[in-house]
């Protein structure tokens, strides 16, 4: 059993908070090799073409 001094030094977990971060994750599938990959926070207004990380095909992005 803990002594009174040990109990007073422990953190009160009821007052601690959790933190969250939001990430938009986009998934891509290659039109040539049919393999897939993901990019976090992809901005389709700034990037018009991508390279497939598996086969190297450079292609435009479409839905």
C-alpha atoms as a PDB file:
ATOM      1  CA  UNK A   1       0.000   0.000   0.000  1.00  0.00           C
ATOM      2  CA  UNK A   2       1.259   3.499  -0.830  1.00  0.00           C
ATOM      3  CA  UNK A   3       2.066   5.987   1.861  1.00  0.00           C
ATOM      4  CA  UNK A   4       0.285   9.365   1.961  1.00  0.00           C
ATOM      5  CA  UNK A   5       3.310  11.149   0.426  1.00  0.00           C
ATOM      6  CA  UNK A   6       3.448   8.719  -2.516  1.00  0.00           C
ATOM      7  CA  UNK A   7      -0.258   9.136  -3.248  1.00  0.00           C
ATOM      8  CA  UNK A   8      -0.048  12.934  -3.300  1.00  0.00           C
ATOM      9  CA  UNK A   9       2.813  12.844  -5.860  1.00  0.00           C
ATOM     10  CA  UNK A  10       0.895  10.772  -8.423  1.00  0.00           C
ATOM     11  CA  UNK A  11      -0.910  12.592 -11.249  1.00  0.00           C
ATOM     12  CA  UNK A  12      -4.663  12.922 -11.185  1.00  0.00           C
ATOM     13  CA  UNK A  13      -5.558  11.268 -14.508  1.00  0.00           C
ATOM     14  CA  UNK A  14      -9.081  12.735 -14.449  1.00  0.00           C
ATOM     15  CA  UNK A  15      -7.638  16.186 -15.243  1.00  0.00           C
ATOM     16  CA  UNK A  16      -5.412  15.072 -18.133  1.00  0.00           C
ATOM     17  CA  UNK A  17      -6.717  15.588 -21.666  1.00  0.00           C
ATOM     18  CA  UNK A  18      -6.244  13.744 -24.930  1.00  0.00           C
ATOM     19  CA  UNK A  19      -5.077  15.520 -28.062  1.00  0.00           C
ATOM     20  CA  UNK A  20      -6.091  14.828 -31.636  1.00  0.00           C
ATOM     21  CA  UNK A  21      -4.733  15.792 -35.038  1.00  0.00           C
ATOM     22  CA  UNK A  22      -6.690  15.432 -38.275  1.00  0.00           C
ATOM     23  CA  UNK A  23      -5.069  14.327 -41.524  1.00  0.00           C
ATOM     24  CA  UNK A  24      -6.725  13.940 -44.902  1.00  0.00           C
ATOM     25  CA  UNK A  25      -5.307  10.762 -46.433  1.00  0.00           C
ATOM     26  CA  UNK A  26      -5.591  10.249 -50.208  1.00  0.00           C
ATOM     27  CA  UNK A  27      -5.125   6.814 -51.794  1.00  0.00           C
ATOM     28  CA  UNK A  28      -3.869   6.417 -55.367  1.00  0.00           C
ATOM     29  CA  UNK A  29      -3.840   3.423 -57.711  1.00  0.00           C
ATOM     30  CA  UNK A  30      -1.509   3.248 -60.704  1.00  0.00           C
ATOM     31  CA  UNK A  31      -3.164   2.862 -64.110  1.00  0.00           C
ATOM     32  CA  UNK A  32      -0.247   0.751 -65.348  1.00  0.00           C
ATOM     33  CA  UNK A  33       0.880  -1.643 -62.586  1.00  0.00           C
ATOM     34  CA  UNK A  34      -2.368  -1.405 -60.523  1.00  0.00           C
ATOM     35  CA  UNK A  35      -0.455  -1.014 -57.223  1.00  0.00           C
ATOM     36  CA  UNK A  36      -1.536   1.617 -54.691  1.00  0.00           C
ATOM     37  CA  UNK A  37       0.030   4.215 -52.364  1.00  0.00           C
ATOM     38  CA  UNK A  38      -1.141   6.982 -50.049  1.00  0.00           C
ATOM     39  CA  UNK A  39      -0.274  10.654 -49.560  1.00  0.00           C
ATOM     40  CA  UNK A  40      -1.291  12.672 -46.497  1.00  0.00           C
ATOM     41  CA  UNK A  41      -2.833  16.134 -47.023  1.00  0.00           C
ATOM     42  CA  UNK A  42      -2.641  15.899 -50.830  1.00  0.00           C
ATOM     43  CA  UNK A  43      -3.621  19.192 -52.497  1.00  0.00           C
ATOM     44  CA  UNK A  44      -5.033  18.390 -55.951  1.00  0.00           C
ATOM     45  CA  UNK A  45      -5.129  22.096 -56.866  1.00  0.00           C
ATOM     46  CA  UNK A  46      -1.316  22.334 -56.698  1.00  0.00           C
ATOM     47  CA  UNK A  47      -0.222  18.927 -58.040  1.00  0.00           C
ATOM     48  CA  UNK A  48      -1.441  17.882 -61.486  1.00  0.00           C
ATOM     49  CA  UNK A  49       0.791  14.854 -62.138  1.00  0.00           C
ATOM     50  CA  UNK A  50       2.309  12.116 -59.989  1.00  0.00           C
ATOM     51  CA  UNK A  51       4.910   9.395 -60.405  1.00  0.00           C
ATOM     52  CA  UNK A  52       3.958   5.874 -59.351  1.00  0.00           C
ATOM     53  CA  UNK A  53       6.434   4.864 -56.615  1.00  0.00           C
ATOM     54  CA  UNK A  54       6.292   1.250 -57.848  1.00  0.00           C
ATOM     55  CA  UNK A  55       6.748   1.397 -61.638  1.00  0.00           C
ATOM     56  CA  UNK A  56       7.634   5.062 -62.227  1.00  0.00           C
ATOM     57  CA  UNK A  57       4.749   5.926 -64.569  1.00  0.00           C
ATOM     58  CA  UNK A  58       4.136   9.696 -64.683  1.00  0.00           C
ATOM     59  CA  UNK A  59       0.446  10.439 -65.081  1.00  0.00           C
ATOM     60  CA  UNK A  60      -2.268  12.960 -64.299  1.00  0.00           C
ATOM     61  CA  UNK A  61      -4.585  12.442 -61.346  1.00  0.00           C
ATOM     62  CA  UNK A  62      -8.303  11.762 -61.762  1.00  0.00           C
ATOM     63  CA  UNK A  63     -11.095  10.629 -59.453  1.00  0.00           C
END
